[in-house]
Amino acid sequence: MEKDETYSDVIVIGAGLAGLACASELERKSTLKVTVLEARERIGGRVHTIDSHRLDEDAPWPCPIEMGAQWAHSFKSHHPLATLGKKVGMTFKNHDWDDAAYVSIGTDRRAKLIPGVEVDRTWAITEKLFAKATTMREKKSVTRFSSLSSALEQADTCLTSGVGTDLVNFYTRSILDDDYGAGAEELSLLYFDADDWYGGYKTTDAALVGGIATDILSPWRASLSHRIRLDHCVQEISRCHGIFEGVKVRGVVRPADIKTKNTQNTTPPPPKPFVMKAKHVVVTVPLGVLKAPSNIRFQPSLSTAKRDAIERVGVGSFLKVALLFDKEWWTRQWGAKTVYCNVSSRPDDSLFRYFVPLSHAYEKPMPVLVAFVGGPQARKLEKLSDAEVKRHATNTLQQMLLRPIIRDGHPVGVHSCCIRCQVSRWDADPFSKGCYSYMSKGCKRSDRDRLAAPEWPVNVAERKRLFDAENEDESQVAKLKRLFDAGDKDGGARKHEKESRVHTLSQVQDAHGHRLSFAGEHTDRQYPSTMHGALLSGWREARRVMLWCGVTPKGKL
């Protein structure tokens, strides 16, 4: 027998938002023994906060810096992140992307602010551009392999003649590259926008005043501390038959020398193998990890439908750069805005399009700008060193200056004012391999449901032990209905949960129990690519597992 073989009722693989939401719900609402396996040395997954309280650095950050997910989209008082924030006394600050300064760099290399009237006019044309492109879905020649780029090109010819192309290109690229992490040629014309605003309509985004990973997740870090095993890299998930009916998980524990990247010329200790068994396994790793078969092996293989959906749905690229300066200088340049936009379309000037000052969220001067870019441009920048990325970001800001920055009576460059730079590299991260998912050309409408569908159904003999054999179907439906009713009685704060469960109703009725299930933003049909989509998917799978185990949840779901 392999060393360190232990048993749990449920193993959750991944301690990102989906994994933590699933594990905490099972911990609170049932007596099931839960173990969370996380490959990193921290929790949070693609939510990663740089703590501002470290005093051992030459230039500490003045506030928490989010290098991963940062904004709560379509924010409302009953938003899942708002609910979590209230528990720890954290607040959110509305982030109005329309309160922006748009800076154009002319052919003479001189910068100027674009008037608001021109901005509003161009944005209206851009909305018509996308509306025109989406109407082309009705053409008989359009298939699921049609990309958005060809439709935009045709619509652009009809609508943008006589309009400043730089601003139109800026809006188009920001909608595609930054919102989806992919270019128009990669996105599906039919399904690129097949998602919903939270609660059914668009509202403003919000930024947390504090740290998501350090503050919002702190209750889960405390309540699940005895359940989470960090540095546990899962390599294989296999189904067991015979004396033990369930799932076996194999992997290795990363040695300390690998975690700290010890540069000494000593041979690091070999990884320590581990083996665990459970009745059920919930896989919450990012889609980018599932796409690489060498990362996690499934025995037996996943269904053809699941493997095809994993291959078709895309994983976007998104890069963030946090820049710390000696003091704040941008308010005197472009005014007190929530975002500063670089509208130039020249390749050398347009690698970065957005610069967000953190002073807006904290309502006090903060000498920090967060630059970000997505899609093909992000993939280009990820190949560069941190110093080169910093140079591109500061050069862009230098080109955007309306007047020189003065220090001690002398003009100085932006680069010399920048004293620290932090770069996110989610594409290169072996435990994420990208940022968030998108519907690429070739996708089917049902692909997200396929990604969420459970695998490895429980056989008939096992069902008799798990459920009442005589009234099996009725008991399943009755239990599910009770879960739905409990959600309805909880008021408006739970209406969105019923909406996110509707499309899985038939799946749960048909599934008398499965050994393997999946969660994560890529599995949520309504709210993919968002933090709340990840949270809702984790809660969804917790309900499923309790239902399959015949567990009546304690309290309201």
Protein backbone atom coordinates (compact mmCIF):
# COMPACT_ATOMS: atom_id res chain seq x y z
CA MET A 1 0.00 0.00 0.00
CA GLU A 2 1.24 3.50 -0.83
CA LYS A 3 2.30 5.80 1.96
CA ASP A 4 -0.03 8.40 3.53
CA GLU A 5 -3.25 6.79 2.34
CA THR A 6 -6.16 8.57 4.03
CA TYR A 7 -9.93 8.73 3.60
CA SER A 8 -12.48 11.55 3.26
CA ASP A 9 -16.12 11.60 2.27
CA VAL A 10 -15.40 14.39 -0.23
CA ILE A 11 -12.13 15.62 -1.71
CA VAL A 12 -12.18 19.10 -3.26
CA ILE A 13 -9.29 19.71 -5.65
CA GLY A 14 -8.34 23.38 -5.78
CA ALA A 15 -8.62 26.11 -3.12
CA GLY A 16 -9.76 28.90 -5.41
CA LEU A 17 -13.13 30.60 -4.98
CA ALA A 18 -15.11 27.62 -6.33
CA GLY A 19 -13.25 25.08 -4.22
CA LEU A 20 -13.47 27.12 -1.02
CA ALA A 21 -17.18 27.85 -1.60
CA CYS A 22 -17.88 24.15 -2.10
CA ALA A 23 -15.85 22.99 0.89
CA SER A 24 -17.22 25.64 3.26
CA GLU A 25 -20.81 24.80 2.29
CA LEU A 26 -20.22 21.10 2.89
CA GLU A 27 -18.51 21.90 6.19
CA ARG A 28 -21.36 24.14 7.40
CA LYS A 29 -24.34 22.20 6.11
CA SER A 30 -23.36 18.57 6.59
CA THR A 31 -21.32 16.16 8.69
CA LEU A 32 -19.33 14.94 5.70
CA LYS A 33 -15.57 14.83 6.12
CA VAL A 34 -14.05 17.19 3.54
CA THR A 35 -10.44 17.59 2.45
CA VAL A 36 -9.21 20.38 0.14
CA LEU A 37 -6.07 19.77 -1.90
CA GLU A 38 -4.28 22.87 -3.22
CA ALA A 39 -1.11 22.77 -5.34
CA ARG A 40 -0.02 26.30 -4.41
CA GLU A 41 1.39 27.40 -1.08
CA ARG A 42 -1.58 29.74 -0.64
CA ILE A 43 -5.35 29.69 -1.08
CA GLY A 44 -7.33 31.88 -3.50
CA GLY A 45 -6.33 30.49 -6.89
CA ARG A 46 -6.62 33.26 -9.45
CA VAL A 47 -7.49 35.66 -6.62
CA HIS A 48 -4.09 36.78 -5.38
CA THR A 49 -3.55 39.74 -3.06
CA ILE A 50 -0.13 41.20 -2.30
CA ASP A 51 -0.25 42.09 1.38
CA SER A 52 0.66 45.66 2.24
CA HIS A 53 1.70 44.85 5.83
CA ARG A 54 5.10 43.39 5.02
CA LEU A 55 7.80 45.56 6.61
CA ASP A 56 10.81 43.65 5.26
CA GLU A 57 10.71 45.37 1.88
CA ASP A 58 12.52 48.50 0.74
CA ALA A 59 9.39 49.89 -0.94
CA PRO A 60 6.26 48.32 0.62
CA TRP A 61 2.92 48.78 -1.07
CA PRO A 62 0.71 51.37 0.64
CA CYS A 63 -2.40 49.20 0.23
CA PRO A 64 -3.31 45.62 -0.77
CA ILE A 65 -2.60 44.96 -4.45
CA GLU A 66 -4.80 42.58 -6.43
CA MET A 67 -2.78 40.76 -9.08
CA GLY A 68 -5.69 38.51 -10.05
CA ALA A 69 -9.45 39.05 -10.01
CA GLN A 70 -10.23 42.50 -8.66
CA TRP A 71 -13.66 43.82 -9.66
CA ALA A 72 -17.09 42.52 -8.73
CA HIS A 73 -19.11 42.85 -11.94
CA SER A 74 -22.78 43.94 -11.94
CA PHE A 75 -22.48 44.70 -8.25
CA LYS A 76 -25.59 44.76 -6.05
CA SER A 77 -26.27 44.57 -2.34
CA HIS A 78 -27.08 40.84 -2.60
CA HIS A 79 -24.05 40.07 -4.76
CA PRO A 80 -22.23 36.94 -3.44
CA LEU A 81 -19.05 38.95 -2.84
CA ALA A 82 -21.02 41.62 -0.97
CA THR A 83 -22.41 38.91 1.30
CA LEU A 84 -18.93 37.59 2.01
CA GLY A 85 -17.57 41.12 2.53
CA LYS A 86 -20.17 41.97 5.14
CA LYS A 87 -19.07 39.02 7.27
CA VAL A 88 -15.61 40.54 7.68
CA GLY A 89 -16.65 44.20 7.71
CA MET A 90 -15.25 44.98 4.27
CA THR A 91 -16.82 47.52 1.93
CA PHE A 92 -16.94 47.90 -1.83
CA LYS A 93 -16.49 51.11 -3.78
CA ASN A 94 -18.42 51.52 -7.04
CA HIS A 95 -16.07 51.78 -9.99
CA ASP A 96 -17.56 53.82 -12.83
CA TRP A 97 -15.58 53.02 -15.98
CA ASP A 98 -17.31 55.92 -17.74
CA ASP A 99 -15.57 58.39 -15.41
CA ALA A 100 -12.45 58.19 -17.54
CA ALA A 101 -9.88 60.41 -19.17
CA TYR A 102 -9.14 59.45 -22.78
CA VAL A 103 -5.71 60.49 -24.02
CA SER A 104 -4.86 60.47 -27.73
CA ILE A 105 -1.28 60.53 -29.01
CA GLY A 106 -1.10 62.42 -32.30
CA THR A 107 1.18 61.96 -35.28
CA ASP A 108 3.40 64.68 -33.83
CA ARG A 109 3.78 62.47 -30.70
CA ARG A 110 1.97 65.05 -28.59
CA ALA A 111 -0.82 63.95 -26.27
CA LYS A 112 -4.21 65.55 -25.88
CA LEU A 113 -7.44 64.80 -24.03
CA ILE A 114 -10.37 63.68 -26.17
CA PRO A 115 -13.52 65.75 -25.53
CA GLY A 116 -16.40 63.99 -23.82
CA VAL A 117 -18.77 64.69 -26.72
CA GLU A 118 -16.51 62.77 -29.10
CA VAL A 119 -16.16 59.94 -26.59
CA ASP A 120 -19.95 59.56 -26.19
CA ARG A 121 -20.50 59.73 -29.96
CA THR A 122 -17.87 57.10 -30.68
CA TRP A 123 -19.15 54.79 -27.94
CA ALA A 124 -22.65 54.93 -29.42
CA ILE A 125 -21.22 53.98 -32.82
CA THR A 126 -19.25 51.11 -31.24
CA GLU A 127 -22.43 49.74 -29.66
CA LYS A 128 -24.12 49.87 -33.05
CA LEU A 129 -21.07 48.15 -34.52
CA PHE A 130 -21.47 45.15 -32.23
CA ALA A 131 -25.25 45.13 -32.63
CA LYS A 132 -24.80 45.05 -36.41
CA ALA A 133 -22.24 42.25 -36.12
CA THR A 134 -24.53 40.10 -33.97
CA THR A 135 -27.40 40.41 -36.49
CA MET A 136 -25.19 38.55 -38.96
CA ARG A 137 -25.73 35.41 -36.86
CA GLU A 138 -28.96 34.93 -38.79
CA LYS A 139 -27.16 34.34 -42.07
CA LYS A 140 -27.31 30.79 -43.35
CA SER A 141 -23.58 30.83 -44.03
CA VAL A 142 -22.80 31.34 -40.32
CA THR A 143 -21.80 28.20 -38.41
CA ARG A 144 -20.36 27.57 -34.98
CA PHE A 145 -16.93 27.86 -36.58
CA SER A 146 -17.56 31.47 -37.64
CA SER A 147 -15.48 34.03 -35.76
CA LEU A 148 -16.55 37.47 -34.60
CA SER A 149 -13.81 39.21 -36.58
CA SER A 150 -15.37 38.78 -40.04
CA ALA A 151 -18.72 40.13 -38.83
CA LEU A 152 -17.06 43.14 -37.21
CA GLU A 153 -15.14 43.91 -40.39
CA GLN A 154 -18.35 43.95 -42.44
CA ALA A 155 -20.17 46.07 -39.85
CA ASP A 156 -17.19 48.43 -39.56
CA THR A 157 -17.38 49.23 -43.27
CA CYS A 158 -21.02 50.26 -42.89
CA LEU A 159 -20.83 52.33 -39.71
CA THR A 160 -17.43 53.88 -39.03
CA SER A 161 -16.70 55.93 -42.13
CA GLY A 162 -15.75 59.45 -41.07
CA VAL A 163 -15.21 58.46 -37.44
CA GLY A 164 -11.90 58.62 -35.57
CA THR A 165 -10.59 55.10 -35.98
CA ASP A 166 -8.28 55.24 -32.95
CA LEU A 167 -11.17 55.58 -30.49
CA VAL A 168 -13.31 52.97 -32.28
CA ASN A 169 -10.37 50.56 -32.24
CA PHE A 170 -9.81 51.30 -28.56
CA TYR A 171 -13.40 50.47 -27.65
CA THR A 172 -13.48 47.36 -29.84
CA ARG A 173 -10.25 46.00 -28.42
CA SER A 174 -11.19 46.82 -24.84
CA ILE A 175 -14.50 44.97 -25.21
CA LEU A 176 -12.84 41.92 -26.75
CA ASP A 177 -9.27 41.72 -25.46
CA ASP A 178 -9.94 42.90 -21.92
CA ASP A 179 -13.45 41.54 -21.27
CA TYR A 180 -12.86 38.13 -22.88
CA GLY A 181 -9.07 37.87 -22.89
CA ALA A 182 -9.10 37.01 -26.59
CA GLY A 183 -9.10 38.65 -30.01
CA ALA A 184 -12.09 38.86 -32.36
CA GLU A 185 -10.58 36.16 -34.59
CA GLU A 186 -10.65 33.74 -31.61
CA LEU A 187 -14.20 34.44 -30.40
CA SER A 188 -17.33 32.63 -31.56
CA LEU A 189 -19.72 34.86 -33.49
CA LEU A 190 -22.67 32.82 -32.24
CA TYR A 191 -21.84 32.52 -28.55
CA PHE A 192 -19.13 35.00 -27.54
CA ASP A 193 -21.68 36.94 -25.43
CA ALA A 194 -23.71 33.94 -24.22
CA ASP A 195 -23.78 35.03 -20.58
CA ASP A 196 -25.90 37.25 -18.34
CA TRP A 197 -25.46 40.31 -16.19
CA TYR A 198 -25.76 39.41 -12.54
CA GLY A 199 -29.40 39.69 -11.53
CA GLY A 200 -30.50 40.20 -15.14
CA TYR A 201 -29.35 43.75 -15.86
CA LYS A 202 -26.13 45.72 -15.99
CA THR A 203 -25.00 47.82 -13.06
CA THR A 204 -21.66 49.32 -12.12
CA ASP A 205 -18.64 47.28 -11.14
CA ALA A 206 -17.20 47.57 -7.66
CA ALA A 207 -13.71 47.30 -6.17
CA LEU A 208 -13.06 45.97 -2.69
CA VAL A 209 -11.55 48.39 -0.20
CA GLY A 210 -9.08 45.91 1.24
CA GLY A 211 -7.70 42.60 0.03
CA ILE A 212 -9.87 39.87 -1.45
CA ALA A 213 -7.52 36.99 -0.62
CA THR A 214 -6.32 38.49 2.69
CA ASP A 215 -9.67 39.76 4.02
CA ILE A 216 -12.68 38.33 2.15
CA LEU A 217 -11.33 34.77 2.30
CA SER A 218 -10.14 35.00 5.91
CA PRO A 219 -13.27 33.28 7.41
CA TRP A 220 -12.81 30.32 5.06
CA ARG A 221 -9.09 30.24 5.79
CA ALA A 222 -9.92 29.93 9.48
CA SER A 223 -12.89 27.54 9.31
CA LEU A 224 -11.21 25.22 6.80
CA SER A 225 -7.67 25.39 8.19
CA HIS A 226 -7.85 21.76 9.35
CA ARG A 227 -9.26 20.70 5.97
CA ILE A 228 -6.88 22.42 3.54
CA ARG A 229 -3.63 20.77 2.47
CA LEU A 230 -1.36 23.19 0.66
CA ASP A 231 1.41 22.21 -1.77
CA HIS A 232 -0.47 19.02 -2.73
CA CYS A 233 -0.23 18.58 -6.51
CA VAL A 234 -2.82 16.11 -7.79
CA GLN A 235 -1.56 13.97 -10.66
CA GLU A 236 -4.16 11.25 -11.07
CA ILE A 237 -7.83 10.71 -10.21
CA SER A 238 -9.04 7.13 -10.62
CA ARG A 239 -12.25 5.30 -9.89
CA CYS A 240 -12.18 2.36 -7.50
CA HIS A 241 -14.29 -0.79 -7.65
CA GLY A 242 -14.44 -3.81 -5.42
CA ILE A 243 -14.13 -3.68 -1.65
CA PHE A 244 -13.95 0.13 -1.76
CA GLU A 245 -16.35 1.89 -4.13
CA GLY A 246 -15.25 5.45 -4.68
CA VAL A 247 -12.37 7.54 -6.01
CA LYS A 248 -8.64 7.43 -5.41
CA VAL A 249 -6.51 10.58 -5.73
CA ARG A 250 -2.75 10.39 -6.20
CA GLY A 251 -0.21 13.17 -6.25
CA VAL A 252 2.91 14.62 -4.69
CA VAL A 253 3.68 17.18 -2.00
CA ARG A 254 6.03 19.90 -3.24
CA PRO A 255 9.32 20.04 -1.30
CA ALA A 256 10.25 23.21 0.56
CA ASP A 257 13.26 23.87 -1.71
CA ILE A 258 11.02 23.92 -4.78
CA LYS A 259 8.49 26.24 -3.15
CA THR A 260 11.12 28.76 -2.13
CA LYS A 261 13.15 28.32 -5.34
CA ASN A 262 16.33 27.73 -3.41
CA THR A 263 19.26 28.70 -5.64
CA GLN A 264 21.88 26.81 -3.69
CA ASN A 265 23.69 24.07 -5.56
CA THR A 266 22.08 21.34 -3.50
CA THR A 267 19.86 18.57 -4.77
CA PRO A 268 16.29 19.25 -3.62
CA PRO A 269 14.55 16.45 -1.77
CA PRO A 270 12.28 14.29 -3.94
CA PRO A 271 8.54 15.07 -3.87
CA LYS A 272 6.66 13.04 -1.31
CA PRO A 273 3.83 10.97 -2.84
CA PHE A 274 0.39 10.86 -1.27
CA VAL A 275 -2.75 8.80 -1.86
CA MET A 276 -6.25 9.61 -0.66
CA LYS A 277 -9.64 7.97 -1.09
CA ALA A 278 -13.13 9.48 -1.04
CA LYS A 279 -16.72 8.78 -1.99
CA HIS A 280 -16.82 11.88 -4.18
CA VAL A 281 -14.28 14.23 -5.75
CA VAL A 282 -15.06 17.79 -6.83
CA VAL A 283 -12.55 19.16 -9.37
CA THR A 284 -12.33 22.96 -9.29
CA VAL A 285 -9.02 23.51 -11.10
CA PRO A 286 -9.01 26.14 -13.89
CA LEU A 287 -9.94 25.14 -17.43
CA GLY A 288 -6.37 25.82 -18.58
CA VAL A 289 -5.16 23.03 -16.28
CA LEU A 290 -7.79 20.60 -17.56
CA LYS A 291 -6.70 21.32 -21.13
CA ALA A 292 -3.25 19.85 -20.47
CA PRO A 293 -3.69 16.05 -20.15
CA SER A 294 -0.29 15.74 -18.50
CA ASN A 295 -1.45 17.79 -15.50
CA ILE A 296 -4.20 15.51 -14.13
CA ARG A 297 -4.92 12.02 -15.50
CA PHE A 298 -8.41 10.58 -15.18
CA GLN A 299 -8.87 6.81 -14.99
CA PRO A 300 -11.17 5.94 -16.66
CA SER A 301 -11.04 8.79 -19.14
CA LEU A 302 -13.64 11.51 -19.05
CA SER A 303 -16.56 11.18 -21.44
CA THR A 304 -16.07 12.22 -25.05
CA ALA A 305 -18.58 15.06 -24.59
CA LYS A 306 -16.63 16.40 -21.61
CA ARG A 307 -13.25 16.13 -23.36
CA ASP A 308 -14.60 17.86 -26.47
CA ALA A 309 -16.03 20.74 -24.42
CA ILE A 310 -12.72 21.15 -22.57
CA GLU A 311 -10.93 21.37 -25.90
CA ARG A 312 -13.40 23.80 -27.51
CA VAL A 313 -13.93 26.39 -24.78
CA GLY A 314 -11.07 28.87 -24.81
CA VAL A 315 -8.89 30.28 -22.04
CA GLY A 316 -8.06 33.97 -22.30
CA SER A 317 -4.95 35.95 -21.41
CA PHE A 318 -4.89 38.92 -19.08
CA LEU A 319 -1.87 40.72 -17.66
CA LYS A 320 -1.77 43.23 -14.81
CA VAL A 321 1.13 45.45 -13.82
CA ALA A 322 1.13 47.28 -10.50
CA LEU A 323 3.32 50.40 -10.55
CA LEU A 324 4.41 52.12 -7.33
CA PHE A 325 5.65 55.73 -7.68
CA ASP A 326 7.42 58.07 -5.32
CA LYS A 327 4.29 60.23 -5.22
CA GLU A 328 1.02 60.69 -7.11
CA TRP A 329 1.37 62.84 -10.21
CA TRP A 330 -1.49 61.83 -12.57
CA THR A 331 -4.28 63.93 -11.05
CA ARG A 332 -2.51 67.10 -12.20
CA GLN A 333 -2.09 65.58 -15.65
CA TRP A 334 -5.56 64.17 -16.45
CA GLY A 335 -7.79 65.01 -13.49
CA ALA A 336 -9.23 62.87 -10.69
CA LYS A 337 -10.69 59.99 -12.70
CA THR A 338 -11.33 56.29 -12.05
CA VAL A 339 -9.32 55.23 -15.11
CA TYR A 340 -6.88 56.75 -17.62
CA CYS A 341 -7.13 55.39 -21.16
CA ASN A 342 -4.48 55.31 -23.86
CA VAL A 343 -6.32 55.57 -27.16
CA SER A 344 -3.32 55.37 -29.50
CA SER A 345 -3.44 52.56 -32.08
CA ARG A 346 0.30 52.55 -32.80
CA PRO A 347 1.82 49.20 -31.84
CA ASP A 348 4.55 50.73 -29.68
CA ASP A 349 2.15 53.02 -27.82
CA SER A 350 -0.89 50.77 -27.35
CA LEU A 351 0.39 47.72 -25.51
CA PHE A 352 -1.28 49.13 -22.40
CA ARG A 353 -4.69 50.76 -22.70
CA TYR A 354 -5.87 51.15 -19.10
CA PHE A 355 -4.26 52.66 -16.01
CA VAL A 356 -6.37 52.52 -12.85
CA PRO A 357 -5.45 54.70 -9.83
CA LEU A 358 -6.17 53.03 -6.50
CA SER A 359 -6.76 56.39 -4.82
CA HIS A 360 -10.39 56.32 -6.02
CA ALA A 361 -11.28 53.17 -4.04
CA TYR A 362 -9.48 54.31 -0.89
CA GLU A 363 -10.57 57.95 -1.24
CA LYS A 364 -7.10 59.23 -0.37
CA PRO A 365 -3.87 59.72 -2.32
CA MET A 366 -2.27 56.43 -3.30
CA PRO A 367 0.87 56.51 -5.48
CA VAL A 368 -0.16 53.32 -7.30
CA LEU A 369 -1.37 52.77 -10.85
CA VAL A 370 -2.54 49.35 -12.03
CA ALA A 371 -2.10 48.82 -15.77
CA PHE A 372 -3.73 45.95 -17.56
CA VAL A 373 -4.23 44.50 -21.00
CA GLY A 374 -5.78 41.30 -22.34
CA GLY A 375 -5.85 39.07 -25.39
CA PRO A 376 -3.01 38.86 -27.92
CA GLN A 377 -1.21 41.88 -26.46
CA ALA A 378 -1.12 40.23 -23.04
CA ARG A 379 0.43 37.10 -24.53
CA LYS A 380 3.16 39.24 -26.12
CA LEU A 381 3.96 40.98 -22.85
CA GLU A 382 4.09 37.75 -20.85
CA LYS A 383 7.11 36.71 -22.91
CA LEU A 384 9.06 39.75 -21.70
CA SER A 385 11.00 40.19 -18.48
CA ASP A 386 9.59 42.26 -15.61
CA ALA A 387 12.02 45.07 -16.47
CA GLU A 388 10.86 45.13 -20.10
CA VAL A 389 7.18 45.12 -19.08
CA LYS A 390 7.86 48.01 -16.70
CA ARG A 391 9.61 49.90 -19.50
CA HIS A 392 6.63 49.44 -21.86
CA ALA A 393 4.17 50.61 -19.19
CA THR A 394 6.16 53.68 -18.16
CA ASN A 395 6.92 54.57 -21.80
CA THR A 396 3.19 54.52 -22.53
CA LEU A 397 2.54 56.83 -19.59
CA GLN A 398 5.38 59.09 -20.77
CA GLN A 399 3.73 59.40 -24.19
CA MET A 400 0.40 60.24 -22.52
CA LEU A 401 1.78 63.20 -20.51
CA LEU A 402 0.15 66.55 -21.23
CA ARG A 403 2.97 68.41 -19.44
CA PRO A 404 6.29 67.42 -17.84
CA ILE A 405 6.49 65.95 -14.34
CA ILE A 406 8.48 68.36 -12.17
CA ARG A 407 10.68 67.23 -9.26
CA ASP A 408 12.79 69.82 -7.40
CA GLY A 409 12.23 72.30 -10.20
CA HIS A 410 13.39 69.94 -12.95
CA PRO A 411 11.44 67.76 -15.41
CA VAL A 412 11.77 64.01 -14.83
CA GLY A 413 10.65 60.96 -16.74
CA VAL A 414 7.88 58.59 -15.64
CA HIS A 415 10.31 55.67 -15.52
CA SER A 416 12.53 57.38 -12.97
CA CYS A 417 9.52 58.08 -10.73
CA CYS A 418 8.53 54.41 -10.63
CA ILE A 419 10.15 52.70 -7.65
CA ARG A 420 8.51 49.27 -7.80
CA CYS A 421 6.76 47.05 -10.33
CA GLN A 422 4.81 43.79 -9.94
CA VAL A 423 3.72 41.73 -12.97
CA SER A 424 1.08 38.99 -13.04
CA ARG A 425 1.80 35.99 -15.27
CA TRP A 426 -1.27 33.78 -15.28
CA ASP A 427 -0.48 32.16 -18.62
CA ALA A 428 2.89 30.96 -17.31
CA ASP A 429 1.46 29.85 -13.96
CA PRO A 430 1.36 26.01 -14.07
CA PHE A 431 -1.66 25.98 -11.76
CA SER A 432 -3.82 28.31 -13.88
CA LYS A 433 -2.45 28.35 -17.45
CA GLY A 434 -4.53 31.41 -18.36
CA CYS A 435 -6.98 33.85 -16.82
CA TYR A 436 -10.67 33.15 -17.51
CA SER A 437 -12.66 31.19 -20.07
CA TYR A 438 -14.39 32.40 -23.23
CA MET A 439 -16.53 30.87 -25.97
CA SER A 440 -14.14 30.35 -28.87
CA LYS A 441 -15.08 29.66 -32.46
CA GLY A 442 -16.13 26.04 -32.79
CA CYS A 443 -17.93 26.01 -29.44
CA LYS A 444 -21.40 24.58 -29.01
CA ARG A 445 -24.02 26.38 -26.94
CA SER A 446 -24.17 23.45 -24.52
CA ASP A 447 -20.42 23.33 -23.85
CA ARG A 448 -20.56 25.05 -20.46
CA ASP A 449 -23.26 22.60 -19.36
CA ARG A 450 -20.97 19.80 -20.51
CA LEU A 451 -18.14 21.26 -18.45
CA ALA A 452 -20.45 21.32 -15.41
CA ALA A 453 -21.85 17.82 -15.94
CA PRO A 454 -20.78 15.15 -13.42
CA GLU A 455 -18.92 11.99 -14.45
CA TRP A 456 -18.62 8.38 -13.30
CA PRO A 457 -22.22 7.53 -12.31
CA VAL A 458 -22.85 5.39 -9.25
CA ASN A 459 -23.91 1.84 -10.19
CA VAL A 460 -27.19 0.20 -9.18
CA ALA A 461 -25.73 -1.71 -6.23
CA GLU A 462 -24.31 1.49 -4.78
CA ARG A 463 -27.60 3.34 -5.23
CA LYS A 464 -29.40 0.83 -3.02
CA ARG A 465 -27.00 1.65 -0.24
CA LEU A 466 -27.28 5.40 -0.77
CA PHE A 467 -31.01 5.87 -1.37
CA ASP A 468 -34.36 4.24 -0.73
CA ALA A 469 -34.60 1.76 -3.64
CA GLU A 470 -38.42 1.68 -3.76
CA ASN A 471 -38.99 5.44 -4.02
CA GLU A 472 -35.62 6.40 -5.45
CA ASP A 473 -36.81 8.79 -8.18
CA GLU A 474 -39.45 10.40 -5.95
CA SER A 475 -37.00 10.93 -3.11
CA GLN A 476 -34.50 12.54 -5.50
CA VAL A 477 -37.06 14.99 -6.86
CA ALA A 478 -38.48 15.68 -3.40
CA LYS A 479 -35.03 16.48 -2.02
CA LEU A 480 -34.24 18.74 -4.93
CA LYS A 481 -37.57 20.53 -4.58
CA ARG A 482 -36.87 21.10 -0.88
CA LEU A 483 -33.54 22.71 -1.78
CA PHE A 484 -35.27 24.97 -4.31
CA ASP A 485 -38.00 25.92 -1.85
CA ALA A 486 -35.44 26.74 0.83
CA GLY A 487 -33.72 29.08 -1.58
CA ASP A 488 -37.01 30.81 -2.47
CA LYS A 489 -37.93 31.41 1.19
CA ASP A 490 -34.64 33.16 1.75
CA GLY A 491 -35.84 36.20 -0.18
CA GLY A 492 -34.30 38.20 -3.00
CA ALA A 493 -30.77 37.42 -1.90
CA ARG A 494 -31.26 33.85 -3.10
CA LYS A 495 -33.26 34.36 -6.29
CA HIS A 496 -30.12 34.35 -8.42
CA GLU A 497 -29.19 30.92 -6.99
CA LYS A 498 -32.43 29.42 -8.25
CA GLU A 499 -31.73 30.91 -11.68
CA SER A 500 -28.26 29.37 -11.76
CA ARG A 501 -29.70 25.98 -10.73
CA VAL A 502 -32.52 25.78 -13.29
CA HIS A 503 -30.41 24.50 -16.17
CA THR A 504 -28.97 21.71 -13.96
CA LEU A 505 -32.36 20.44 -12.76
CA SER A 506 -32.67 17.74 -15.42
CA GLN A 507 -29.05 16.71 -14.86
CA VAL A 508 -29.59 16.19 -11.13
CA GLN A 509 -32.86 14.30 -11.65
CA ASP A 510 -31.18 11.94 -14.09
CA ALA A 511 -28.02 11.56 -12.00
CA HIS A 512 -28.72 9.14 -9.17
CA GLY A 513 -25.25 9.90 -7.92
CA HIS A 514 -21.84 10.48 -9.45
CA ARG A 515 -18.34 10.07 -8.11
CA LEU A 516 -16.77 13.01 -9.96
CA SER A 517 -18.09 16.55 -10.35
CA PHE A 518 -16.71 19.86 -11.59
CA ALA A 519 -16.91 23.51 -10.51
CA GLY A 520 -15.26 26.77 -11.50
CA GLU A 521 -16.13 29.91 -13.47
CA HIS A 522 -15.89 27.94 -16.73
CA THR A 523 -18.76 25.66 -15.60
CA ASP A 524 -21.29 28.42 -14.92
CA ARG A 525 -23.47 29.11 -17.92
CA GLN A 526 -24.94 32.38 -16.66
CA TYR A 527 -21.92 34.10 -15.11
CA PRO A 528 -18.72 32.65 -16.59
CA SER A 529 -15.38 34.42 -16.26
CA THR A 530 -16.40 36.10 -12.99
CA MET A 531 -15.76 35.67 -9.29
CA HIS A 532 -19.45 35.28 -8.53
CA GLY A 533 -19.74 32.64 -11.24
CA ALA A 534 -16.98 30.66 -9.50
CA LEU A 535 -18.68 31.03 -6.10
CA LEU A 536 -22.09 29.96 -7.40
CA SER A 537 -20.59 26.92 -9.12
CA GLY A 538 -18.95 25.82 -5.85
CA TRP A 539 -22.21 26.10 -3.95
CA ARG A 540 -23.98 24.24 -6.76
CA GLU A 541 -21.66 21.24 -6.47
CA ALA A 542 -21.92 21.22 -2.68
CA ARG A 543 -25.69 20.83 -3.03
CA ARG A 544 -25.22 18.04 -5.55
CA VAL A 545 -22.84 16.09 -3.33
CA MET A 546 -25.15 16.38 -0.31
CA LEU A 547 -28.05 15.22 -2.44
CA TRP A 548 -26.10 12.22 -3.74
CA CYS A 549 -24.97 11.29 -0.22
CA GLY A 550 -28.53 11.46 1.08
CA VAL A 551 -27.57 14.26 3.46
CA THR A 552 -30.24 16.71 4.58
CA PRO A 553 -28.54 20.13 4.73
CA LYS A 554 -28.46 21.88 8.08
CA GLY A 555 -30.20 25.25 7.86
CA LYS A 556 -30.87 27.20 4.69
CA LEU A 557 -28.75 26.88 1.56
